Amino acid sequence: MSDVINAAVEALSAKLPTFDAPAKFVIPGEGTIIVDQSGVRAADEEADVTLTASAEVFQAILQGEMNPTMAFMTGKLSVDGNMGLAMQLGAALG
């Protein structure tokens, strides 16, 4: 597992509540993270929504330097699946 994924799991664990529906964060070249009712962990499982962004964009979102909605609107963050869940995640991160 990469240092980027380890750092992201730690940051997400501190910022996000648990979610009833599973969500996946994909950082190409680094790995994937799942957020669900069990918490946050590095894993690649089925999810209701998948958010994909580069390590730089993901880090900027986690540090509050980039708004998740603006990242999506500018094409820096892609969303596949349940848009309502994606919006909940965005609100929790933003």
PDB file of N, CA and C in Angstrom:
ATOM      1  N   MET A   1       0.841  -1.176   0.000  1.00  0.00           N
ATOM      2  CA  MET A   1       0.000   0.000   0.000  1.00  0.00           C
ATOM      3  C   MET A   1       0.893   1.248   0.000  1.00  0.00           C
ATOM      4  N   SER A   2       0.491   2.246  -0.754  1.00  0.00           N
ATOM      5  CA  SER A   2       1.332   3.428  -0.910  1.00  0.00           C
ATOM      6  C   SER A   2       1.203   4.386   0.272  1.00  0.00           C
ATOM      7  N   ASP A   3       2.184   5.241   0.419  1.00  0.00           N
ATOM      8  CA  ASP A   3       2.151   6.267   1.453  1.00  0.00           C
ATOM      9  C   ASP A   3       0.986   7.231   1.222  1.00  0.00           C
ATOM     10  N   VAL A   4       0.670   7.482  -0.047  1.00  0.00           N
ATOM     11  CA  VAL A   4      -0.446   8.369  -0.382  1.00  0.00           C
ATOM     12  C   VAL A   4      -1.752   7.784   0.149  1.00  0.00           C
ATOM     13  N   ILE A   5      -1.967   6.501  -0.070  1.00  0.00           N
ATOM     14  CA  ILE A   5      -3.193   5.847   0.400  1.00  0.00           C
ATOM     15  C   ILE A   5      -3.222   5.822   1.926  1.00  0.00           C
ATOM     16  N   ASN A   6      -2.119   5.493   2.557  1.00  0.00           N
ATOM     17  CA  ASN A   6      -2.066   5.487   4.028  1.00  0.00           C
ATOM     18  C   ASN A   6      -2.420   6.854   4.600  1.00  0.00           C
ATOM     19  N   ALA A   7      -1.850   7.908   4.028  1.00  0.00           N
ATOM     20  CA  ALA A   7      -2.121   9.268   4.502  1.00  0.00           C
ATOM     21  C   ALA A   7      -3.583   9.642   4.249  1.00  0.00           C
ATOM     22  N   ALA A   8      -4.120   9.227   3.106  1.00  0.00           N
ATOM     23  CA  ALA A   8      -5.512   9.539   2.784  1.00  0.00           C
ATOM     24  C   ALA A   8      -6.474   8.812   3.717  1.00  0.00           C
ATOM     25  N   VAL A   9      -6.189   7.562   4.036  1.00  0.00           N
ATOM     26  CA  VAL A   9      -7.035   6.810   4.971  1.00  0.00           C
ATOM     27  C   VAL A   9      -7.051   7.519   6.324  1.00  0.00           C
ATOM     28  N   GLU A  10      -5.908   7.939   6.779  1.00  0.00           N
ATOM     29  CA  GLU A  10      -5.814   8.641   8.061  1.00  0.00           C
ATOM     30  C   GLU A  10      -6.597   9.953   8.036  1.00  0.00           C
ATOM     31  N   ALA A  11      -6.420  10.739   6.976  1.00  0.00           N
ATOM     32  CA  ALA A  11      -7.114  12.025   6.865  1.00  0.00           C
ATOM     33  C   ALA A  11      -8.623  11.838   6.743  1.00  0.00           C
ATOM     34  N   LEU A  12      -9.049  10.873   5.936  1.00  0.00           N
ATOM     35  CA  LEU A  12     -10.482  10.621   5.783  1.00  0.00           C
ATOM     36  C   LEU A  12     -11.099  10.120   7.077  1.00  0.00           C
ATOM     37  N   SER A  13     -10.384   9.292   7.799  1.00  0.00           N
ATOM     38  CA  SER A  13     -10.889   8.771   9.072  1.00  0.00           C
ATOM     39  C   SER A  13     -11.169   9.910  10.053  1.00  0.00           C
ATOM     40  N   ALA A  14     -10.341  10.936  10.013  1.00  0.00           N
ATOM     41  CA  ALA A  14     -10.506  12.073  10.912  1.00  0.00           C
ATOM     42  C   ALA A  14     -11.642  12.999  10.468  1.00  0.00           C
ATOM     43  N   LYS A  15     -11.913  13.064   9.150  1.00  0.00           N
ATOM     44  CA  LYS A  15     -12.889  14.013   8.621  1.00  0.00           C
ATOM     45  C   LYS A  15     -14.285  13.451   8.424  1.00  0.00           C
ATOM     46  N   LEU A  16     -14.383  12.175   8.075  1.00  0.00           N
ATOM     47  CA  LEU A  16     -15.668  11.627   7.641  1.00  0.00           C
ATOM     48  C   LEU A  16     -16.354  10.789   8.710  1.00  0.00           C
ATOM     49  N   PRO A  17     -17.681  10.924   8.765  1.00  0.00           N
ATOM     50  CA  PRO A  17     -18.442   9.981   9.575  1.00  0.00           C
ATOM     51  C   PRO A  17     -18.545   8.664   8.794  1.00  0.00           C
ATOM     52  N   THR A  18     -19.055   7.644   9.420  1.00  0.00           N
ATOM     53  CA  THR A  18     -19.304   6.411   8.669  1.00  0.00           C
ATOM     54  C   THR A  18     -20.516   6.631   7.767  1.00  0.00           C
ATOM     55  N   PHE A  19     -20.608   5.877   6.699  1.00  0.00           N
ATOM     56  CA  PHE A  19     -21.716   5.981   5.761  1.00  0.00           C
ATOM     57  C   PHE A  19     -22.398   4.629   5.647  1.00  0.00           C
ATOM     58  N   ASP A  20     -23.726   4.650   5.568  1.00  0.00           N
ATOM     59  CA  ASP A  20     -24.474   3.400   5.418  1.00  0.00           C
ATOM     60  C   ASP A  20     -24.178   2.748   4.069  1.00  0.00           C
ATOM     61  N   ALA A  21     -24.051   3.564   3.044  1.00  0.00           N
ATOM     62  CA  ALA A  21     -23.772   3.056   1.703  1.00  0.00           C
ATOM     63  C   ALA A  21     -22.273   3.163   1.431  1.00  0.00           C
ATOM     64  N   PRO A  22     -21.689   2.145   0.814  1.00  0.00           N
ATOM     65  CA  PRO A  22     -20.245   2.204   0.554  1.00  0.00           C
ATOM     66  C   PRO A  22     -19.881   3.192  -0.553  1.00  0.00           C
ATOM     67  N   ALA A  23     -18.775   3.885  -0.324  1.00  0.00           N
ATOM     68  CA  ALA A  23     -18.231   4.812  -1.309  1.00  0.00           C
ATOM     69  C   ALA A  23     -16.767   4.461  -1.522  1.00  0.00           C
ATOM     70  N   LYS A  24     -16.318   4.640  -2.759  1.00  0.00           N
ATOM     71  CA  LYS A  24     -14.934   4.309  -3.104  1.00  0.00           C
ATOM     72  C   LYS A  24     -14.225   5.554  -3.624  1.00  0.00           C
ATOM     73  N   PHE A  25     -13.018   5.768  -3.145  1.00  0.00           N
ATOM     74  CA  PHE A  25     -12.137   6.806  -3.666  1.00  0.00           C
ATOM     75  C   PHE A  25     -11.022   6.111  -4.430  1.00  0.00           C
ATOM     76  N   VAL A  26     -10.818   6.521  -5.669  1.00  0.00           N
ATOM     77  CA  VAL A  26      -9.762   5.945  -6.502  1.00  0.00           C
ATOM     78  C   VAL A  26      -8.716   7.018  -6.778  1.00  0.00           C
ATOM     79  N   ILE A  27      -7.472   6.685  -6.453  1.00  0.00           N
ATOM     80  CA  ILE A  27      -6.343   7.557  -6.778  1.00  0.00           C
ATOM     81  C   ILE A  27      -5.474   6.770  -7.756  1.00  0.00           C
ATOM     82  N   PRO A  28      -5.602   7.083  -9.055  1.00  0.00           N
ATOM     83  CA  PRO A  28      -4.874   6.309 -10.065  1.00  0.00           C
ATOM     84  C   PRO A  28      -3.376   6.236  -9.774  1.00  0.00           C
ATOM     85  N   GLY A  29      -2.838   5.034  -9.908  1.00  0.00           N
ATOM     86  CA  GLY A  29      -1.425   4.807  -9.669  1.00  0.00           C
ATOM     87  C   GLY A  29      -1.071   4.602  -8.205  1.00  0.00           C
ATOM     88  N   GLU A  30      -2.055   4.825  -7.309  1.00  0.00           N
ATOM     89  CA  GLU A  30      -1.798   4.698  -5.876  1.00  0.00           C
ATOM     90  C   GLU A  30      -2.635   3.601  -5.235  1.00  0.00           C
ATOM     91  N   GLY A  31      -3.952   3.595  -5.498  1.00  0.00           N
ATOM     92  CA  GLY A  31      -4.831   2.585  -4.923  1.00  0.00           C
ATOM     93  C   GLY A  31      -6.227   3.107  -4.693  1.00  0.00           C
ATOM     94  N   THR A  32      -6.983   2.371  -3.865  1.00  0.00           N
ATOM     95  CA  THR A  32      -8.372   2.728  -3.605  1.00  0.00           C
ATOM     96  C   THR A  32      -8.664   2.696  -2.108  1.00  0.00           C
ATOM     97  N   ILE A  33      -9.686   3.472  -1.741  1.00  0.00           N
ATOM     98  CA  ILE A  33     -10.122   3.589  -0.352  1.00  0.00           C
ATOM     99  C   ILE A  33     -11.628   3.383  -0.327  1.00  0.00           C
ATOM    100  N   ILE A  34     -12.102   2.649   0.665  1.00  0.00           N
ATOM    101  CA  ILE A  34     -13.527   2.433   0.864  1.00  0.00           C
ATOM    102  C   ILE A  34     -13.963   3.131   2.146  1.00  0.00           C
ATOM    103  N   VAL A  35     -15.111   3.819   2.077  1.00  0.00           N
ATOM    104  CA  VAL A  35     -15.749   4.415   3.248  1.00  0.00           C
ATOM    105  C   VAL A  35     -17.132   3.787   3.347  1.00  0.00           C
ATOM    106  N   ASP A  36     -17.448   3.186   4.502  1.00  0.00           N
ATOM    107  CA  ASP A  36     -18.763   2.586   4.696  1.00  0.00           C
ATOM    108  C   ASP A  36     -19.096   2.544   6.180  1.00  0.00           C
ATOM    109  N   GLN A  37     -20.077   1.722   6.547  1.00  0.00           N
ATOM    110  CA  GLN A  37     -20.504   1.646   7.943  1.00  0.00           C
ATOM    111  C   GLN A  37     -19.401   1.132   8.860  1.00  0.00           C
ATOM    112  N   SER A  38     -18.383   0.478   8.304  1.00  0.00           N
ATOM    113  CA  SER A  38     -17.257  -0.021   9.107  1.00  0.00           C
ATOM    114  C   SER A  38     -16.168   1.027   9.306  1.00  0.00           C
ATOM    115  N   GLY A  39     -16.241   2.142   8.578  1.00  0.00           N
ATOM    116  CA  GLY A  39     -15.223   3.182   8.681  1.00  0.00           C
ATOM    117  C   GLY A  39     -14.497   3.385   7.369  1.00  0.00           C
ATOM    118  N   VAL A  40     -13.224   3.751   7.455  1.00  0.00           N
ATOM    119  CA  VAL A  40     -12.391   4.052   6.290  1.00  0.00           C
ATOM    120  C   VAL A  40     -11.249   3.056   6.254  1.00  0.00           C
ATOM    121  N   ARG A  41     -11.007   2.484   5.063  1.00  0.00           N
ATOM    122  CA  ARG A  41      -9.914   1.517   4.940  1.00  0.00           C
ATOM    123  C   ARG A  41      -9.426   1.469   3.496  1.00  0.00           C
ATOM    124  N   ALA A  42      -8.188   1.062   3.343  1.00  0.00           N
ATOM    125  CA  ALA A  42      -7.638   0.829   2.011  1.00  0.00           C
ATOM    126  C   ALA A  42      -8.187  -0.497   1.530  1.00  0.00           C
ATOM    127  N   ALA A  43      -8.973  -0.467   0.460  1.00  0.00           N
ATOM    128  CA  ALA A  43      -9.575  -1.676  -0.102  1.00  0.00           C
ATOM    129  C   ALA A  43     -10.139  -1.334  -1.470  1.00  0.00           C
ATOM    130  N   ASP A  44     -10.389  -2.355  -2.251  1.00  0.00           N
ATOM    131  CA  ASP A  44     -11.011  -2.181  -3.560  1.00  0.00           C
ATOM    132  C   ASP A  44     -12.212  -3.119  -3.610  1.00  0.00           C
ATOM    133  N   GLU A  45     -13.366  -2.586  -3.264  1.00  0.00           N
ATOM    134  CA  GLU A  45     -14.598  -3.357  -3.189  1.00  0.00           C
ATOM    135  C   GLU A  45     -15.690  -2.655  -3.989  1.00  0.00           C
ATOM    136  N   GLU A  46     -16.809  -3.331  -4.174  1.00  0.00           N
ATOM    137  CA  GLU A  46     -17.960  -2.719  -4.822  1.00  0.00           C
ATOM    138  C   GLU A  46     -18.454  -1.553  -3.970  1.00  0.00           C
ATOM    139  N   ALA A  47     -18.926  -0.499  -4.630  1.00  0.00           N
ATOM    140  CA  ALA A  47     -19.418   0.675  -3.915  1.00  0.00           C
ATOM    141  C   ALA A  47     -20.578   1.297  -4.679  1.00  0.00           C
ATOM    142  N   ASP A  48     -21.398   2.063  -3.972  1.00  0.00           N
ATOM    143  CA  ASP A  48     -22.529   2.745  -4.596  1.00  0.00           C
ATOM    144  C   ASP A  48     -22.091   3.972  -5.392  1.00  0.00           C
ATOM    145  N   VAL A  49     -20.947   4.534  -5.033  1.00  0.00           N
ATOM    146  CA  VAL A  49     -20.397   5.672  -5.753  1.00  0.00           C
ATOM    147  C   VAL A  49     -18.875   5.551  -5.760  1.00  0.00           C
ATOM    148  N   THR A  50     -18.278   5.938  -6.874  1.00  0.00           N
ATOM    149  CA  THR A  50     -16.823   5.941  -7.008  1.00  0.00           C
ATOM    150  C   THR A  50     -16.376   7.336  -7.392  1.00  0.00           C
ATOM    151  N   LEU A  51     -15.464   7.890  -6.614  1.00  0.00           N
ATOM    152  CA  LEU A  51     -14.888   9.197  -6.897  1.00  0.00           C
ATOM    153  C   LEU A  51     -13.430   8.997  -7.274  1.00  0.00           C
ATOM    154  N   THR A  52     -13.034   9.574  -8.388  1.00  0.00           N
ATOM    155  CA  THR A  52     -11.678   9.393  -8.897  1.00  0.00           C
ATOM    156  C   THR A  52     -11.009  10.750  -9.072  1.00  0.00           C
ATOM    157  N   ALA A  53      -9.797  10.869  -8.544  1.00  0.00           N
ATOM    158  CA  ALA A  53      -9.022  12.099  -8.688  1.00  0.00           C
ATOM    159  C   ALA A  53      -7.547  11.769  -8.543  1.00  0.00           C
ATOM    160  N   SER A  54      -6.707  12.645  -9.065  1.00  0.00           N
ATOM    161  CA  SER A  54      -5.261  12.469  -8.908  1.00  0.00           C
ATOM    162  C   SER A  54      -4.888  12.634  -7.443  1.00  0.00           C
ATOM    163  N   ALA A  55      -3.709  12.179  -7.091  1.00  0.00           N
ATOM    164  CA  ALA A  55      -3.225  12.315  -5.718  1.00  0.00           C
ATOM    165  C   ALA A  55      -3.170  13.786  -5.310  1.00  0.00           C
ATOM    166  N   GLU A  56      -2.769  14.655  -6.224  1.00  0.00           N
ATOM    167  CA  GLU A  56      -2.659  16.078  -5.920  1.00  0.00           C
ATOM    168  C   GLU A  56      -4.023  16.693  -5.641  1.00  0.00           C
ATOM    169  N   VAL A  57      -5.010  16.362  -6.464  1.00  0.00           N
ATOM    170  CA  VAL A  57      -6.362  16.894  -6.273  1.00  0.00           C
ATOM    171  C   VAL A  57      -6.958  16.350  -4.983  1.00  0.00           C
ATOM    172  N   PHE A  58      -6.795  15.067  -4.762  1.00  0.00           N
ATOM    173  CA  PHE A  58      -7.338  14.446  -3.560  1.00  0.00           C
ATOM    174  C   PHE A  58      -6.724  15.083  -2.309  1.00  0.00           C
ATOM    175  N   GLN A  59      -5.420  15.299  -2.327  1.00  0.00           N
ATOM    176  CA  GLN A  59      -4.743  15.930  -1.191  1.00  0.00           C
ATOM    177  C   GLN A  59      -5.248  17.354  -0.982  1.00  0.00           C
ATOM    178  N   ALA A  60      -5.441  18.097  -2.054  1.00  0.00           N
ATOM    179  CA  ALA A  60      -5.940  19.473  -1.932  1.00  0.00           C
ATOM    180  C   ALA A  60      -7.347  19.496  -1.339  1.00  0.00           C
ATOM    181  N   ILE A  61      -8.189  18.534  -1.720  1.00  0.00           N
ATOM    182  CA  ILE A  61      -9.534  18.444  -1.150  1.00  0.00           C
ATOM    183  C   ILE A  61      -9.445  18.137   0.340  1.00  0.00           C
ATOM    184  N   LEU A  62      -8.620  17.169   0.707  1.00  0.00           N
ATOM    185  CA  LEU A  62      -8.496  16.782   2.115  1.00  0.00           C
ATOM    186  C   LEU A  62      -7.949  17.911   2.987  1.00  0.00           C
ATOM    187  N   GLN A  63      -7.090  18.740   2.407  1.00  0.00           N
ATOM    188  CA  GLN A  63      -6.490  19.841   3.165  1.00  0.00           C
ATOM    189  C   GLN A  63      -7.343  21.106   3.141  1.00  0.00           C
ATOM    190  N   GLY A  64      -8.496  21.036   2.461  1.00  0.00           N
ATOM    191  CA  GLY A  64      -9.382  22.185   2.401  1.00  0.00           C
ATOM    192  C   GLY A  64      -8.949  23.254   1.422  1.00  0.00           C
ATOM    193  N   GLU A  65      -7.989  22.931   0.562  1.00  0.00           N
ATOM    194  CA  GLU A  65      -7.493  23.893  -0.416  1.00  0.00           C
ATOM    195  C   GLU A  65      -8.320  23.891  -1.696  1.00  0.00           C
ATOM    196  N   MET A  66      -9.129  22.837  -1.896  1.00  0.00           N
ATOM    197  CA  MET A  66      -9.957  22.729  -3.085  1.00  0.00           C
ATOM    198  C   MET A  66     -11.338  22.235  -2.671  1.00  0.00           C
ATOM    199  N   ASN A  67     -12.356  22.906  -3.156  1.00  0.00           N
ATOM    200  CA  ASN A  67     -13.724  22.502  -2.884  1.00  0.00           C
ATOM    201  C   ASN A  67     -14.072  21.289  -3.749  1.00  0.00           C
ATOM    202  N   PRO A  68     -14.618  20.212  -3.163  1.00  0.00           N
ATOM    203  CA  PRO A  68     -14.940  19.017  -3.952  1.00  0.00           C
ATOM    204  C   PRO A  68     -15.908  19.295  -5.099  1.00  0.00           C
ATOM    205  N   THR A  69     -16.871  20.183  -4.885  1.00  0.00           N
ATOM    206  CA  THR A  69     -17.831  20.514  -5.941  1.00  0.00           C
ATOM    207  C   THR A  69     -17.129  21.205  -7.103  1.00  0.00           C
ATOM    208  N   MET A  70     -16.232  22.131  -6.784  1.00  0.00           N
ATOM    209  CA  MET A  70     -15.488  22.816  -7.856  1.00  0.00           C
ATOM    210  C   MET A  70     -14.559  21.847  -8.571  1.00  0.00           C
ATOM    211  N   ALA A  71     -13.970  20.899  -7.839  1.00  0.00           N
ATOM    212  CA  ALA A  71     -13.116  19.893  -8.475  1.00  0.00           C
ATOM    213  C   ALA A  71     -13.928  19.075  -9.473  1.00  0.00           C
ATOM    214  N   PHE A  72     -15.154  18.736  -9.097  1.00  0.00           N
ATOM    215  CA  PHE A  72     -16.036  17.994 -10.002  1.00  0.00           C
ATOM    216  C   PHE A  72     -16.422  18.849 -11.211  1.00  0.00           C
ATOM    217  N   MET A  73     -16.822  20.092 -10.961  1.00  0.00           N
ATOM    218  CA  MET A  73     -17.278  20.980 -12.039  1.00  0.00           C
ATOM    219  C   MET A  73     -16.171  21.290 -13.045  1.00  0.00           C
ATOM    220  N   THR A  74     -14.922  21.271 -12.589  1.00  0.00           N
ATOM    221  CA  THR A  74     -13.804  21.575 -13.487  1.00  0.00           C
ATOM    222  C   THR A  74     -13.171  20.315 -14.072  1.00  0.00           C
ATOM    223  N   GLY A  75     -13.750  19.151 -13.784  1.00  0.00           N
ATOM    224  CA  GLY A  75     -13.264  17.904 -14.361  1.00  0.00           C
ATOM    225  C   GLY A  75     -12.067  17.295 -13.645  1.00  0.00           C
ATOM    226  N   LYS A  76     -11.705  17.825 -12.494  1.00  0.00           N
ATOM    227  CA  LYS A  76     -10.564  17.281 -11.756  1.00  0.00           C
ATOM    228  C   LYS A  76     -10.960  16.098 -10.884  1.00  0.00           C
ATOM    229  N   LEU A  77     -12.271  15.958 -10.622  1.00  0.00           N
ATOM    230  CA  LEU A  77     -12.818  14.872  -9.827  1.00  0.00           C
ATOM    231  C   LEU A  77     -13.955  14.261 -10.622  1.00  0.00           C
ATOM    232  N   SER A  78     -13.890  12.963 -10.869  1.00  0.00           N
ATOM    233  CA  SER A  78     -14.988  12.313 -11.580  1.00  0.00           C
ATOM    234  C   SER A  78     -15.803  11.482 -10.601  1.00  0.00           C
ATOM    235  N   VAL A  79     -17.103  11.398 -10.881  1.00  0.00           N
ATOM    236  CA  VAL A  79     -18.035  10.680 -10.025  1.00  0.00           C
ATOM    237  C   VAL A  79     -18.794   9.684 -10.883  1.00  0.00           C
ATOM    238  N   ASP A  80     -18.853   8.447 -10.401  1.00  0.00           N
ATOM    239  CA  ASP A  80     -19.598   7.402 -11.095  1.00  0.00           C
ATOM    240  C   ASP A  80     -20.500   6.721 -10.073  1.00  0.00           C
ATOM    241  N   GLY A  81     -21.803   6.785 -10.286  1.00  0.00           N
ATOM    242  CA  GLY A  81     -22.728   6.123  -9.372  1.00  0.00           C
ATOM    243  C   GLY A  81     -23.661   7.103  -8.701  1.00  0.00           C
ATOM    244  N   ASN A  82     -23.976   6.852  -7.440  1.00  0.00           N
ATOM    245  CA  ASN A  82     -24.971   7.574  -6.662  1.00  0.00           C
ATOM    246  C   ASN A  82     -24.528   9.017  -6.398  1.00  0.00           C
ATOM    247  N   MET A  83     -25.108   9.954  -7.159  1.00  0.00           N
ATOM    248  CA  MET A  83     -24.719  11.362  -7.032  1.00  0.00           C
ATOM    249  C   MET A  83     -25.120  11.937  -5.673  1.00  0.00           C
ATOM    250  N   GLY A  84     -26.213  11.466  -5.092  1.00  0.00           N
ATOM    251  CA  GLY A  84     -26.616  11.937  -3.768  1.00  0.00           C
ATOM    252  C   GLY A  84     -25.578  11.603  -2.711  1.00  0.00           C
ATOM    253  N   LEU A  85     -25.051  10.393  -2.762  1.00  0.00           N
ATOM    254  CA  LEU A  85     -24.001   9.991  -1.828  1.00  0.00           C
ATOM    255  C   LEU A  85     -22.732  10.797  -2.079  1.00  0.00           C
ATOM    256  N   ALA A  86     -22.426  11.049  -3.345  1.00  0.00           N
ATOM    257  CA  ALA A  86     -21.253  11.871  -3.680  1.00  0.00           C
ATOM    258  C   ALA A  86     -21.394  13.263  -3.082  1.00  0.00           C
ATOM    259  N   MET A  87     -22.603  13.819  -3.127  1.00  0.00           N
ATOM    260  CA  MET A  87     -22.838  15.149  -2.564  1.00  0.00           C
ATOM    261  C   MET A  87     -22.695  15.127  -1.041  1.00  0.00           C
ATOM    262  N   GLN A  88     -23.125  14.048  -0.378  1.00  0.00           N
ATOM    263  CA  GLN A  88     -22.938  13.926   1.059  1.00  0.00           C
ATOM    264  C   GLN A  88     -21.448  13.892   1.403  1.00  0.00           C
ATOM    265  N   LEU A  89     -20.697  13.129   0.628  1.00  0.00           N
ATOM    266  CA  LEU A  89     -19.245  13.060   0.847  1.00  0.00           C
ATOM    267  C   LEU A  89     -18.600  14.424   0.635  1.00  0.00           C
ATOM    268  N   GLY A  90     -19.014  15.098  -0.433  1.00  0.00           N
ATOM    269  CA  GLY A  90     -18.479  16.427  -0.733  1.00  0.00           C
ATOM    270  C   GLY A  90     -18.743  17.407   0.396  1.00  0.00           C
ATOM    271  N   ALA A  91     -19.958  17.357   0.948  1.00  0.00           N
ATOM    272  CA  ALA A  91     -20.306  18.247   2.054  1.00  0.00           C
ATOM    273  C   ALA A  91     -19.460  17.925   3.287  1.00  0.00           C
ATOM    274  N   ALA A  92     -19.235  16.654   3.551  1.00  0.00           N
ATOM    275  CA  ALA A  92     -18.433  16.260   4.708  1.00  0.00           C
ATOM    276  C   ALA A  92     -16.965  16.662   4.529  1.00  0.00           C
ATOM    277  N   LEU A  93     -16.477  16.610   3.296  1.00  0.00           N
ATOM    278  CA  LEU A  93     -15.087  16.964   3.025  1.00  0.00           C
ATOM    279  C   LEU A  93     -14.884  18.476   2.904  1.00  0.00           C
ATOM    280  N   GLY A  94     -15.918  19.168   2.423  1.00  0.00           N
ATOM    281  CA  GLY A  94     -15.799  20.580   2.147  1.00  0.00           C
ATOM    282  C   GLY A  94     -15.891  21.406   3.372  1.00  0.00           C
TER     283      GLY A  94
END
